[in-house]
Amino acid sequence: MSTTTKSLATRILWGLAIGVVAGVTTLGIGQFYPDALTSARSIATTLLDPFGQIFLRLLFFVVIPLVFASLASGITQLGRLDRLGPLAGRTFALFFANMAIAVTIGLIMMNLLQPGHHLAIGSQQLLMSEYGGSAQKAVDVGRGQPSMSLAVLVDMFMPRNLFGAFIGQNRGALGDVLPLILFAILVGAAATQLGEEKRARFQAGLDLICEVMTGIVGFALKLAPYAVPAMIYSVIVKVGVDILLTLSVFVVSCSVALLLHLFGTLSLWLRLFTRRRPLAYFKQIRPLLITAFSTSSSSASLPASLAIARDELKLSPTTAGFVLPLGATMNMSGTALFEGCVVLFVAQAFGVELSLAQQAVLMLLAVLSAVAVAGIPGGSLPLIAGLLVTFEVPAEGIGIVLGVDRILDMLRTTVNVGSDIVTATVVDARLRRNEEASP
């Protein structure tokens, strides 16, 4: 993490703290002077909410182009899939399994603890009313939807009118992201079949779009230290302190899920697929995990990953040189877990119940979106907004968790980096066994 990014994260956290303290103080004053609380709510509605919307809508602006360009670019850069060989096949399979398991753990944790349901009925109704009835509309739409079937699934991913689906029917709502994700995958897969020069030009164009969209996300993030306290203050003075308890349960739930994946799932992988002892292994990679936690950057941790793979773990240079750089841009299990948790948490807070079939779709989309935004600072925010809309949840709900996103960022980066090094270790162990078994 650069000095600028660290400074921004610190300012966002300070903004969150200031907003919480100001909101709780206003509620306290309102107990003795109700008119003061009424005035504060009026100011929040007329001034703070529109300011927060500027920040959110800058993120919403980039959802469609960022989803398409980043996902298509990620597929295109793989090149001819039939030429990648067994090393790539094992690596990609483990990447997908790692992220899918991580999201599943996160969703199970959210279903067990249900942090979004810690809001009192009155507080939930106030929160829903704050979004102009869009939350209640989402609940009604969800109740009226047909049960999940193959026909419904085909219609979700492959509508007759692609552009009409993701553009949306009115200017006040985001369009459907599901068809766009499938279209981006198809475009990327087709681009891998182009000649080397054409493919490079096509990818350069996609990367340029990503860079421009990232610039717009950067503009939004510059507003974050001011928008976060404005939004959290507004929610607290209108909904009450229940929202703080709900957020605290969410942070604890998400943190436990991340740690369970890092030290649970990956320990099982080490036991099942390698001859290494998990406790001794994690002691070996402890400097790497500390580096990832302190920098909050998979890319910044890559040199440490390569050094530990070479000096401590004695992995094959070929395996480490292929798996670790690729993992730093694709294997984002912590990010995928976080995205799944946020969508389910916000849905719970707004009273939108997601069925098991919908959560299965969410698992797949969280994996794809985590790959799509890898390496884009703040890029997960517009993608999460898109996922919320996909499941008929008000996209503005992302504002509830924005402040605590910075708190969880270091932990999920640690999980991302830990997953990369364990995946490299598993791939290396499997390749060595195959070499020993071959005559």
Protein backbone atom coordinates (compact mmCIF):
# COMPACT_ATOMS: atom_id res chain seq x y z
CA MET A 1 0.00 0.00 0.00
CA SER A 2 1.42 3.37 -1.03
CA THR A 3 1.78 6.26 1.40
CA THR A 4 -1.11 8.03 -0.35
CA THR A 5 -3.35 4.97 -0.01
CA LYS A 6 -2.41 4.57 3.66
CA SER A 7 -3.23 8.23 4.24
CA LEU A 8 -6.60 7.82 2.52
CA ALA A 9 -7.41 4.71 4.58
CA THR A 10 -6.50 6.53 7.78
CA ARG A 11 -8.65 9.53 6.84
CA ILE A 12 -11.62 7.25 6.03
CA LEU A 13 -11.29 5.54 9.41
CA TRP A 14 -11.07 8.90 11.17
CA GLY A 15 -14.10 10.04 9.20
CA LEU A 16 -16.00 6.93 10.28
CA ALA A 17 -15.10 7.56 13.93
CA ILE A 18 -16.11 11.23 13.72
CA GLY A 19 -19.42 10.35 12.08
CA VAL A 20 -20.19 7.71 14.73
CA VAL A 21 -19.30 10.00 17.64
CA ALA A 22 -21.26 12.92 16.17
CA GLY A 23 -24.28 10.70 15.47
CA VAL A 24 -24.34 9.13 18.95
CA THR A 25 -23.85 12.58 20.53
CA THR A 26 -26.76 13.97 18.52
CA LEU A 27 -28.99 11.10 19.66
CA GLY A 28 -27.97 11.79 23.27
CA ILE A 29 -28.79 15.47 22.94
CA GLY A 30 -32.07 14.54 21.28
CA GLN A 31 -33.16 12.71 24.42
CA PHE A 32 -33.30 16.07 26.22
CA TYR A 33 -33.96 18.39 23.28
CA PRO A 34 -36.15 16.59 20.69
CA ASP A 35 -36.18 19.67 18.45
CA ALA A 36 -32.40 19.42 18.08
CA LEU A 37 -32.71 15.84 16.84
CA THR A 38 -35.45 16.85 14.43
CA SER A 39 -33.23 19.62 13.05
CA ALA A 40 -30.28 17.24 12.72
CA ARG A 41 -32.42 14.78 10.75
CA SER A 42 -33.58 17.59 8.49
CA ILE A 43 -29.99 18.70 7.84
CA ALA A 44 -29.00 15.09 7.15
CA THR A 45 -31.79 14.75 4.59
CA THR A 46 -31.25 18.05 2.80
CA LEU A 47 -27.45 18.30 2.87
CA LEU A 48 -25.61 15.15 3.97
CA ASP A 49 -27.64 12.59 2.01
CA PRO A 50 -27.20 14.36 -1.36
CA PHE A 51 -23.47 14.66 -0.68
CA GLY A 52 -23.27 10.95 0.06
CA GLN A 53 -25.20 10.25 -3.13
CA ILE A 54 -22.57 12.12 -5.18
CA PHE A 55 -19.95 9.71 -3.85
CA LEU A 56 -22.11 6.62 -4.42
CA ARG A 57 -23.18 7.59 -7.91
CA LEU A 58 -19.61 8.19 -9.01
CA LEU A 59 -19.11 4.51 -8.17
CA PHE A 60 -22.34 3.51 -9.92
CA PHE A 61 -21.21 5.32 -13.09
CA VAL A 62 -18.36 2.87 -13.64
CA VAL A 63 -20.17 -0.41 -12.86
CA ILE A 64 -21.03 -1.37 -16.45
CA PRO A 65 -17.75 -0.43 -18.22
CA LEU A 66 -15.57 -1.68 -15.35
CA VAL A 67 -17.29 -5.08 -15.12
CA PHE A 68 -17.03 -5.63 -18.85
CA ALA A 69 -13.50 -4.36 -19.45
CA SER A 70 -11.85 -5.88 -16.37
CA LEU A 71 -13.41 -9.34 -16.76
CA ALA A 72 -12.86 -9.51 -20.53
CA SER A 73 -9.25 -8.35 -20.06
CA GLY A 74 -8.64 -10.97 -17.38
CA ILE A 75 -9.77 -13.76 -19.72
CA THR A 76 -7.97 -12.32 -22.76
CA GLN A 77 -4.59 -12.16 -21.00
CA LEU A 78 -4.61 -15.95 -20.53
CA GLY A 79 -3.87 -16.42 -24.23
CA ARG A 80 -4.63 -19.64 -26.05
CA LEU A 81 -6.16 -21.87 -23.40
CA ASP A 82 -5.20 -25.06 -25.26
CA ARG A 83 -1.50 -24.14 -24.99
CA LEU A 84 -1.27 -23.50 -21.26
CA GLY A 85 -0.53 -27.11 -20.23
CA PRO A 86 -1.17 -29.13 -17.04
CA LEU A 87 0.50 -26.60 -14.72
CA ALA A 88 -2.03 -23.94 -15.72
CA GLY A 89 -4.94 -26.37 -15.57
CA ARG A 90 -4.20 -27.38 -11.97
CA THR A 91 -3.55 -23.78 -10.97
CA PHE A 92 -6.82 -22.41 -12.35
CA ALA A 93 -8.81 -25.31 -10.86
CA LEU A 94 -7.31 -24.63 -7.42
CA PHE A 95 -7.89 -20.88 -7.79
CA PHE A 96 -11.58 -21.43 -8.49
CA ALA A 97 -11.98 -24.04 -5.74
CA ASN A 98 -10.20 -21.79 -3.25
CA MET A 99 -12.44 -18.80 -3.97
CA ALA A 100 -15.63 -20.87 -4.13
CA ILE A 101 -14.90 -22.46 -0.74
CA ALA A 102 -14.08 -19.04 0.74
CA VAL A 103 -17.38 -17.52 -0.43
CA THR A 104 -19.28 -20.57 0.83
CA ILE A 105 -17.71 -20.18 4.28
CA GLY A 106 -18.63 -16.49 4.30
CA LEU A 107 -22.24 -17.17 3.30
CA ILE A 108 -22.59 -19.91 5.92
CA MET A 109 -21.25 -17.51 8.56
CA MET A 110 -23.69 -14.79 7.48
CA ASN A 111 -26.59 -17.26 7.56
CA LEU A 112 -25.63 -18.53 11.02
CA LEU A 113 -24.99 -15.17 12.71
CA GLN A 114 -27.35 -13.11 10.52
CA PRO A 115 -25.81 -9.72 11.38
CA GLY A 116 -28.31 -7.86 9.23
CA HIS A 117 -31.17 -9.20 11.35
CA HIS A 118 -29.83 -7.54 14.51
CA LEU A 119 -31.69 -4.39 13.47
CA ALA A 120 -34.92 -3.92 15.40
CA ILE A 121 -38.10 -4.02 13.29
CA GLY A 122 -38.62 -0.28 13.71
CA SER A 123 -35.01 0.48 12.78
CA GLN A 124 -35.24 -1.74 9.71
CA GLN A 125 -38.41 0.01 8.58
CA LEU A 126 -36.71 3.39 9.03
CA LEU A 127 -33.73 2.20 7.00
CA MET A 128 -35.99 0.93 4.26
CA SER A 129 -37.98 4.17 4.16
CA GLU A 130 -34.73 6.13 3.79
CA TYR A 131 -34.25 4.70 0.30
CA GLY A 132 -37.51 5.98 -1.08
CA GLY A 133 -39.34 2.66 -0.96
CA SER A 134 -36.80 0.92 -3.20
CA ALA A 135 -36.07 -1.57 -0.45
CA GLN A 136 -39.74 -2.47 0.00
CA LYS A 137 -40.06 -2.76 -3.75
CA ALA A 138 -37.10 -5.15 -3.69
CA VAL A 139 -38.84 -7.29 -1.07
CA ASP A 140 -42.06 -7.37 -3.11
CA VAL A 141 -40.17 -8.23 -6.31
CA GLY A 142 -38.28 -10.99 -4.53
CA ARG A 143 -41.54 -12.52 -3.26
CA GLY A 144 -43.04 -12.43 -6.74
CA GLN A 145 -40.13 -14.09 -8.49
CA PRO A 146 -40.59 -17.66 -9.79
CA SER A 147 -38.63 -20.45 -8.14
CA MET A 148 -35.17 -21.12 -9.57
CA SER A 149 -35.18 -23.42 -12.60
CA LEU A 150 -33.10 -24.00 -15.71
CA ALA A 151 -35.40 -21.75 -17.75
CA VAL A 152 -35.18 -18.96 -15.16
CA LEU A 153 -31.39 -19.36 -15.01
CA VAL A 154 -31.10 -19.08 -18.80
CA ASP A 155 -33.28 -15.97 -18.79
CA MET A 156 -31.16 -14.42 -15.99
CA PHE A 157 -27.87 -14.86 -17.84
CA MET A 158 -29.05 -14.69 -21.47
CA PRO A 159 -31.88 -12.18 -21.98
CA ARG A 160 -33.15 -11.54 -25.49
CA ASN A 161 -32.12 -7.88 -25.25
CA LEU A 162 -28.58 -7.78 -23.83
CA PHE A 163 -28.13 -4.02 -23.89
CA GLY A 164 -31.62 -3.37 -22.58
CA ALA A 165 -30.89 -5.70 -19.65
CA PHE A 166 -27.71 -4.09 -18.39
CA ILE A 167 -28.62 -0.50 -19.31
CA GLY A 168 -31.78 -0.72 -17.18
CA GLN A 169 -35.31 0.48 -17.66
CA ASN A 170 -35.04 3.87 -15.97
CA ARG A 171 -32.41 6.43 -15.00
CA GLY A 172 -32.95 5.86 -11.28
CA ALA A 173 -31.71 2.26 -11.13
CA LEU A 174 -28.69 0.24 -12.21
CA GLY A 175 -29.18 -2.40 -14.88
CA ASP A 176 -28.73 -6.16 -14.58
CA VAL A 177 -25.08 -7.20 -14.32
CA LEU A 178 -25.54 -10.96 -14.86
CA PRO A 179 -25.87 -10.89 -18.69
CA LEU A 180 -22.96 -8.45 -18.89
CA ILE A 181 -20.71 -10.83 -16.95
CA LEU A 182 -21.52 -13.71 -19.31
CA PHE A 183 -21.04 -11.46 -22.35
CA ALA A 184 -17.65 -10.28 -21.02
CA ILE A 185 -16.54 -13.89 -20.50
CA LEU A 186 -17.59 -14.80 -24.06
CA VAL A 187 -15.79 -11.76 -25.50
CA GLY A 188 -12.63 -12.61 -23.54
CA ALA A 189 -12.78 -16.28 -24.58
CA ALA A 190 -13.19 -15.27 -28.24
CA ALA A 191 -10.30 -12.81 -27.92
CA THR A 192 -7.95 -15.60 -26.75
CA GLN A 193 -8.31 -17.13 -30.21
CA LEU A 194 -7.02 -14.01 -31.96
CA GLY A 195 -3.50 -13.76 -33.30
CA GLU A 196 -0.86 -12.53 -30.87
CA GLU A 197 -0.71 -9.00 -32.26
CA LYS A 198 -4.49 -8.53 -32.48
CA ARG A 199 -4.99 -10.00 -29.02
CA ALA A 200 -2.38 -7.65 -27.56
CA ARG A 201 -4.07 -4.63 -29.17
CA PHE A 202 -7.49 -5.73 -27.98
CA GLN A 203 -6.26 -6.27 -24.43
CA ALA A 204 -4.49 -2.92 -24.46
CA GLY A 205 -7.80 -1.28 -25.31
CA LEU A 206 -9.59 -3.08 -22.49
CA ASP A 207 -6.80 -2.20 -20.05
CA LEU A 208 -7.08 1.44 -21.11
CA ILE A 209 -10.80 1.41 -20.30
CA CYS A 210 -10.02 -0.16 -16.91
CA GLU A 211 -7.43 2.53 -16.25
CA VAL A 212 -9.87 5.32 -17.07
CA MET A 213 -12.62 3.75 -14.93
CA THR A 214 -10.12 3.32 -12.11
CA GLY A 215 -9.44 7.05 -12.38
CA ILE A 216 -13.13 7.75 -11.81
CA VAL A 217 -13.11 5.38 -8.81
CA GLY A 218 -10.13 7.41 -7.59
CA PHE A 219 -12.19 10.60 -7.82
CA ALA A 220 -14.88 8.94 -5.72
CA LEU A 221 -12.38 7.70 -3.13
CA LYS A 222 -11.10 11.25 -2.66
CA LEU A 223 -14.58 12.13 -1.44
CA ALA A 224 -14.73 9.07 0.84
CA PRO A 225 -13.18 10.69 3.96
CA TYR A 226 -16.00 13.25 3.86
CA ALA A 227 -18.82 11.10 2.44
CA VAL A 228 -18.34 8.27 4.97
CA PRO A 229 -18.95 10.43 8.08
CA ALA A 230 -21.83 12.18 6.32
CA MET A 231 -23.56 8.90 5.47
CA ILE A 232 -22.93 7.14 8.80
CA TYR A 233 -24.06 10.23 10.73
CA SER A 234 -27.24 10.41 8.67
CA VAL A 235 -28.02 6.72 9.21
CA ILE A 236 -27.37 6.90 12.97
CA VAL A 237 -29.50 10.00 13.64
CA LYS A 238 -32.36 8.52 11.62
CA VAL A 239 -32.15 4.81 12.44
CA GLY A 240 -30.47 4.86 15.86
CA VAL A 241 -27.55 3.06 17.45
CA ASP A 242 -28.89 -0.33 16.32
CA ILE A 243 -26.95 0.15 13.09
CA LEU A 244 -23.66 0.24 15.06
CA LEU A 245 -24.42 -3.10 16.74
CA THR A 246 -25.34 -4.56 13.37
CA LEU A 247 -22.11 -3.33 11.80
CA SER A 248 -20.07 -4.70 14.71
CA VAL A 249 -21.61 -8.15 14.30
CA PHE A 250 -20.92 -7.97 10.56
CA VAL A 251 -17.23 -7.13 11.11
CA VAL A 252 -16.83 -9.97 13.61
CA SER A 253 -18.67 -12.43 11.34
CA CYS A 254 -16.61 -11.50 8.29
CA SER A 255 -13.32 -11.60 10.25
CA VAL A 256 -14.08 -15.05 11.67
CA ALA A 257 -14.96 -16.34 8.20
CA LEU A 258 -11.69 -14.97 6.76
CA LEU A 259 -9.59 -16.50 9.53
CA LEU A 260 -11.45 -19.80 9.25
CA HIS A 261 -10.63 -19.99 5.56
CA LEU A 262 -6.99 -19.01 6.06
CA PHE A 263 -6.19 -21.36 8.93
CA GLY A 264 -8.93 -23.96 8.39
CA THR A 265 -9.43 -24.60 4.68
CA LEU A 266 -5.81 -24.01 3.74
CA SER A 267 -4.58 -26.23 6.59
CA LEU A 268 -6.75 -29.03 5.22
CA TRP A 269 -5.26 -28.47 1.77
CA LEU A 270 -1.77 -28.75 3.19
CA ARG A 271 -2.71 -31.96 5.01
CA LEU A 272 -4.50 -33.57 2.07
CA PHE A 273 -2.35 -32.52 -0.89
CA THR A 274 1.15 -32.06 0.52
CA ARG A 275 3.37 -33.67 3.14
CA ARG A 276 3.70 -30.49 5.17
CA ARG A 277 2.46 -29.84 8.69
CA PRO A 278 0.13 -26.79 8.79
CA LEU A 279 1.50 -25.36 12.05
CA ALA A 280 5.12 -25.52 10.91
CA TYR A 281 4.10 -24.23 7.48
CA PHE A 282 2.36 -21.13 8.81
CA LYS A 283 5.39 -20.40 10.98
CA GLN A 284 7.51 -20.45 7.82
CA ILE A 285 5.26 -18.03 5.97
CA ARG A 286 4.54 -15.78 8.98
CA PRO A 287 6.75 -12.92 7.64
CA LEU A 288 4.76 -13.02 4.40
CA LEU A 289 1.41 -12.84 6.21
CA ILE A 290 2.69 -9.92 8.29
CA THR A 291 3.82 -8.16 5.10
CA ALA A 292 0.42 -8.68 3.47
CA PHE A 293 -1.42 -7.45 6.57
CA SER A 294 0.70 -4.32 6.90
CA THR A 295 0.71 -3.37 3.19
CA SER A 296 -2.88 -4.40 2.28
CA SER A 297 -1.56 -5.17 -1.20
CA SER A 298 -1.14 -8.52 -2.94
CA SER A 299 1.15 -6.95 -5.53
CA ALA A 300 3.38 -5.33 -2.89
CA SER A 301 3.64 -8.71 -1.13
CA LEU A 302 4.68 -10.56 -4.30
CA PRO A 303 8.47 -10.14 -3.84
CA ALA A 304 8.17 -11.54 -0.31
CA SER A 305 6.05 -14.42 -1.63
CA LEU A 306 8.67 -15.34 -4.25
CA ALA A 307 11.51 -15.09 -1.74
CA ILE A 308 9.78 -17.32 0.84
CA ALA A 309 8.76 -19.82 -1.84
CA ARG A 310 12.39 -20.06 -2.93
CA ASP A 311 14.28 -19.89 0.37
CA GLU A 312 11.92 -21.32 2.99
CA LEU A 313 9.51 -23.62 1.17
CA LYS A 314 11.97 -24.78 -1.54
CA LEU A 315 9.33 -24.69 -4.26
CA SER A 316 10.23 -25.21 -7.90
CA PRO A 317 11.17 -21.84 -9.48
CA THR A 318 8.94 -22.67 -12.45
CA THR A 319 5.91 -23.35 -10.26
CA ALA A 320 6.46 -20.35 -7.99
CA GLY A 321 7.20 -18.06 -10.94
CA PHE A 322 3.94 -19.04 -12.64
CA VAL A 323 1.48 -19.49 -9.77
CA LEU A 324 2.39 -16.58 -7.47
CA PRO A 325 2.30 -13.67 -9.99
CA LEU A 326 -0.90 -15.07 -11.49
CA GLY A 327 -2.38 -15.54 -8.03
CA ALA A 328 -1.63 -11.93 -7.11
CA THR A 329 -3.98 -10.86 -9.91
CA MET A 330 -6.56 -13.68 -9.97
CA ASN A 331 -6.69 -15.72 -6.76
CA MET A 332 -8.68 -13.34 -4.54
CA SER A 333 -10.40 -15.64 -2.05
CA GLY A 334 -10.50 -12.99 0.70
CA THR A 335 -12.05 -10.45 -1.65
CA ALA A 336 -14.61 -12.95 -2.97
CA LEU A 337 -15.57 -13.92 0.59
CA PHE A 338 -15.96 -10.26 1.56
CA GLU A 339 -18.14 -9.47 -1.45
CA GLY A 340 -20.46 -12.40 -0.73
CA CYS A 341 -20.71 -11.38 2.93
CA VAL A 342 -21.52 -7.75 2.08
CA VAL A 343 -24.30 -8.65 -0.36
CA LEU A 344 -25.95 -11.07 2.07
CA PHE A 345 -25.53 -8.67 5.01
CA VAL A 346 -27.07 -5.69 3.19
CA ALA A 347 -29.88 -7.92 1.90
CA GLN A 348 -30.62 -9.01 5.49
CA ALA A 349 -30.56 -5.40 6.69
CA PHE A 350 -33.19 -4.46 4.10
CA GLY A 351 -35.33 -7.53 4.73
CA VAL A 352 -34.55 -9.12 1.34
CA GLU A 353 -34.28 -12.90 1.78
CA LEU A 354 -32.03 -14.73 -0.68
CA SER A 355 -32.89 -18.38 -1.35
CA LEU A 356 -30.26 -21.14 -1.45
CA ALA A 357 -30.38 -21.09 -5.24
CA GLN A 358 -29.81 -17.33 -5.28
CA GLN A 359 -26.93 -17.71 -2.83
CA ALA A 360 -25.39 -20.34 -5.13
CA VAL A 361 -25.55 -17.80 -7.96
CA LEU A 362 -24.08 -15.20 -5.61
CA MET A 363 -21.16 -17.54 -4.86
CA LEU A 364 -20.33 -17.83 -8.57
CA LEU A 365 -20.71 -14.09 -9.19
CA ALA A 366 -18.57 -13.18 -6.18
CA VAL A 367 -15.77 -15.38 -7.55
CA LEU A 368 -16.00 -13.82 -11.02
CA SER A 369 -16.20 -10.25 -9.71
CA ALA A 370 -13.24 -10.82 -7.37
CA VAL A 371 -11.17 -11.88 -10.37
CA ALA A 372 -12.44 -8.94 -12.40
CA VAL A 373 -11.42 -6.24 -9.92
CA ALA A 374 -8.11 -7.73 -8.77
CA GLY A 375 -5.48 -5.02 -8.54
CA ILE A 376 -7.96 -2.15 -8.97
CA PRO A 377 -7.91 0.05 -5.83
CA GLY A 378 -11.48 0.44 -4.62
CA GLY A 379 -12.65 -1.55 -7.63
CA SER A 380 -14.71 -3.96 -5.54
CA LEU A 381 -17.08 -1.17 -4.48
CA PRO A 382 -18.84 -0.68 -7.84
CA LEU A 383 -18.84 -4.45 -8.38
CA ILE A 384 -20.56 -5.01 -5.03
CA ALA A 385 -23.10 -2.36 -6.01
CA GLY A 386 -23.74 -4.30 -9.20
CA LEU A 387 -24.19 -7.55 -7.26
CA LEU A 388 -26.67 -5.88 -4.92
CA VAL A 389 -28.78 -4.76 -7.87
CA THR A 390 -28.62 -8.26 -9.34
CA PHE A 391 -30.46 -9.56 -6.28
CA GLU A 392 -32.92 -6.65 -6.12
CA VAL A 393 -31.21 -5.04 -3.11
CA PRO A 394 -30.84 -1.21 -3.07
CA ALA A 395 -27.32 -0.43 -4.27
CA GLU A 396 -27.15 2.52 -1.88
CA GLY A 397 -26.86 -0.04 0.92
CA ILE A 398 -23.15 -0.28 0.18
CA GLY A 399 -22.82 3.04 2.03
CA ILE A 400 -23.58 1.22 5.29
CA VAL A 401 -20.40 -0.88 5.14
CA LEU A 402 -18.06 1.55 3.43
CA GLY A 403 -16.31 2.67 6.61
CA VAL A 404 -15.64 -0.84 7.93
CA ASP A 405 -14.36 -1.89 4.50
CA ARG A 406 -11.02 -0.31 5.40
CA ILE A 407 -10.91 -2.24 8.66
CA LEU A 408 -11.37 -5.58 6.87
CA ASP A 409 -9.09 -4.71 3.95
CA MET A 410 -5.86 -5.77 5.69
CA LEU A 411 -7.33 -9.08 6.80
CA ARG A 412 -8.73 -10.07 3.43
CA THR A 413 -5.44 -9.16 1.72
CA THR A 414 -3.68 -11.50 4.17
CA VAL A 415 -6.09 -14.26 3.13
CA ASN A 416 -5.49 -13.50 -0.55
CA VAL A 417 -1.71 -13.74 -0.18
CA GLY A 418 -1.86 -16.79 2.08
CA SER A 419 -4.07 -18.55 -0.46
CA ASP A 420 -1.57 -17.81 -3.23
CA ILE A 421 1.40 -19.33 -1.42
CA VAL A 422 -0.57 -22.41 -0.32
CA THR A 423 -1.87 -22.92 -3.86
CA ALA A 424 1.69 -22.74 -5.18
CA THR A 425 2.76 -25.30 -2.57
CA VAL A 426 -0.06 -27.69 -3.51
CA VAL A 427 0.62 -27.39 -7.24
CA ASP A 428 4.34 -27.97 -6.66
CA ALA A 429 3.66 -31.06 -4.53
CA ARG A 430 1.34 -32.56 -7.15
CA LEU A 431 3.81 -31.97 -9.97
CA ARG A 432 6.65 -33.54 -7.97
CA ARG A 433 4.54 -36.62 -7.26
CA ASN A 434 3.70 -36.97 -10.93
CA GLU A 435 7.39 -36.72 -11.83
CA GLU A 436 8.27 -39.36 -9.23
CA ALA A 437 5.53 -41.67 -10.51
CA SER A 438 6.58 -41.33 -14.15
CA PRO A 439 9.27 -43.80 -15.38
